[in-house]
């Protein structure tokens, strides 16, 4: 299921709010981490499907409204690093993203 640009922006804001809450020790539990990861994975898939970033694109060529999506790998890495379940796998996934 592909989501449109408005839904993508709303989903990103929701994921960003969750992740920034983790930095402030809000909702720091496995359920919220999993919720954030699921949402971030949907957003990542949609960004790829919509071709928002091109492999041969320079940073200066990225549209201003799309710059926020550059944070997705950081949010994924940080959230994976917070998971305690399957710790070895979580750290590995976190390291790949960060």
Protein backbone atom coordinates (compact mmCIF):
# COMPACT_ATOMS: atom_id res chain seq x y z
CA UNK A 1 0.00 0.00 0.00
CA UNK A 2 1.52 3.28 -1.14
CA UNK A 3 0.71 6.38 0.84
CA UNK A 4 0.43 9.86 -0.68
CA UNK A 5 2.67 12.80 0.19
CA UNK A 6 0.28 14.24 2.80
CA UNK A 7 -0.04 10.88 4.56
CA UNK A 8 3.72 10.43 4.38
CA UNK A 9 4.27 13.81 6.04
CA UNK A 10 1.70 13.03 8.75
CA UNK A 11 3.23 9.59 9.39
CA UNK A 12 6.69 11.10 9.61
CA UNK A 13 5.53 13.71 12.11
CA UNK A 14 3.95 10.96 14.21
CA UNK A 15 7.14 8.87 14.13
CA UNK A 16 9.28 11.92 14.85
CA UNK A 17 7.12 12.78 17.87
CA UNK A 18 7.54 9.23 19.20
CA UNK A 19 11.32 9.25 18.66
CA UNK A 20 11.83 12.68 20.16
CA UNK A 21 9.79 11.53 23.14
CA UNK A 22 12.31 8.72 23.65
CA UNK A 23 15.07 11.34 23.91
CA UNK A 24 13.06 12.97 26.73
CA UNK A 25 12.36 9.65 28.48
CA UNK A 26 8.70 9.63 27.39
CA UNK A 27 7.02 6.31 26.55
CA UNK A 28 10.31 4.42 26.75
CA UNK A 29 8.99 0.89 26.54
CA UNK A 30 9.13 -1.97 24.05
CA UNK A 31 5.59 -1.35 22.79
CA UNK A 32 6.32 2.26 21.82
CA UNK A 33 9.71 1.30 20.33
CA UNK A 34 7.99 -1.35 18.22
CA UNK A 35 5.27 1.10 17.19
CA UNK A 36 7.91 3.62 16.09
CA UNK A 37 9.90 0.99 14.18
CA UNK A 38 6.80 -0.24 12.35
CA UNK A 39 5.87 3.31 11.38
CA UNK A 40 9.43 4.17 10.32
CA UNK A 41 9.60 1.03 8.17
CA UNK A 42 6.35 2.00 6.39
CA UNK A 43 7.73 5.50 5.85
CA UNK A 44 11.04 4.14 4.52
CA UNK A 45 9.20 1.90 2.07
CA UNK A 46 7.04 4.78 0.88
CA UNK A 47 10.03 7.11 0.45
CA UNK A 48 11.69 4.46 -1.72
CA UNK A 49 8.52 3.75 -3.73
CA UNK A 50 7.96 7.45 -4.38
CA UNK A 51 11.58 7.94 -5.46
CA UNK A 52 12.05 10.88 -3.13
CA UNK A 53 15.81 10.30 -3.08
CA UNK A 54 17.87 9.28 -6.07
CA UNK A 55 21.15 7.37 -5.70
CA UNK A 56 22.95 9.87 -7.94
CA UNK A 57 21.40 12.93 -6.28
CA UNK A 58 23.64 15.42 -4.48
CA UNK A 59 22.58 16.74 -1.07
CA UNK A 60 22.04 20.23 -2.53
CA UNK A 61 19.55 18.78 -5.03
CA UNK A 62 17.19 17.42 -2.37
CA UNK A 63 13.96 19.40 -2.15
CA UNK A 64 13.69 21.35 1.10
CA UNK A 65 10.40 19.67 2.06
CA UNK A 66 12.09 16.25 1.75
CA UNK A 67 15.11 17.01 3.97
CA UNK A 68 13.26 15.72 7.04
CA UNK A 69 13.35 12.19 5.60
CA UNK A 70 17.15 12.20 5.89
CA UNK A 71 16.52 11.62 9.63
CA UNK A 72 14.81 8.26 9.09
CA UNK A 73 17.99 6.11 9.30
CA UNK A 74 18.98 7.93 12.51
CA UNK A 75 15.57 7.38 14.09
CA UNK A 76 15.64 3.71 13.04
CA UNK A 77 19.14 3.20 14.43
CA UNK A 78 18.41 4.96 17.70
CA UNK A 79 15.14 3.10 18.24
CA UNK A 80 16.70 -0.29 17.42
CA UNK A 81 19.42 0.52 19.96
CA UNK A 82 16.81 1.00 22.66
CA UNK A 83 15.24 -2.45 22.24
CA UNK A 84 16.21 -4.98 24.89
CA UNK A 85 14.48 -7.96 23.28
CA UNK A 86 16.88 -9.87 21.00
CA UNK A 87 19.61 -7.48 22.08
CA UNK A 88 22.34 -8.77 19.76
CA UNK A 89 20.11 -8.41 16.68
CA UNK A 90 18.90 -4.97 17.83
CA UNK A 91 22.44 -3.66 18.28
CA UNK A 92 23.44 -5.03 14.88
CA UNK A 93 20.48 -3.28 13.21
CA UNK A 94 21.22 -0.10 15.12
CA UNK A 95 24.86 -0.11 14.04
CA UNK A 96 23.92 -0.57 10.38
CA UNK A 97 21.62 2.49 10.52
CA UNK A 98 23.94 4.73 12.47
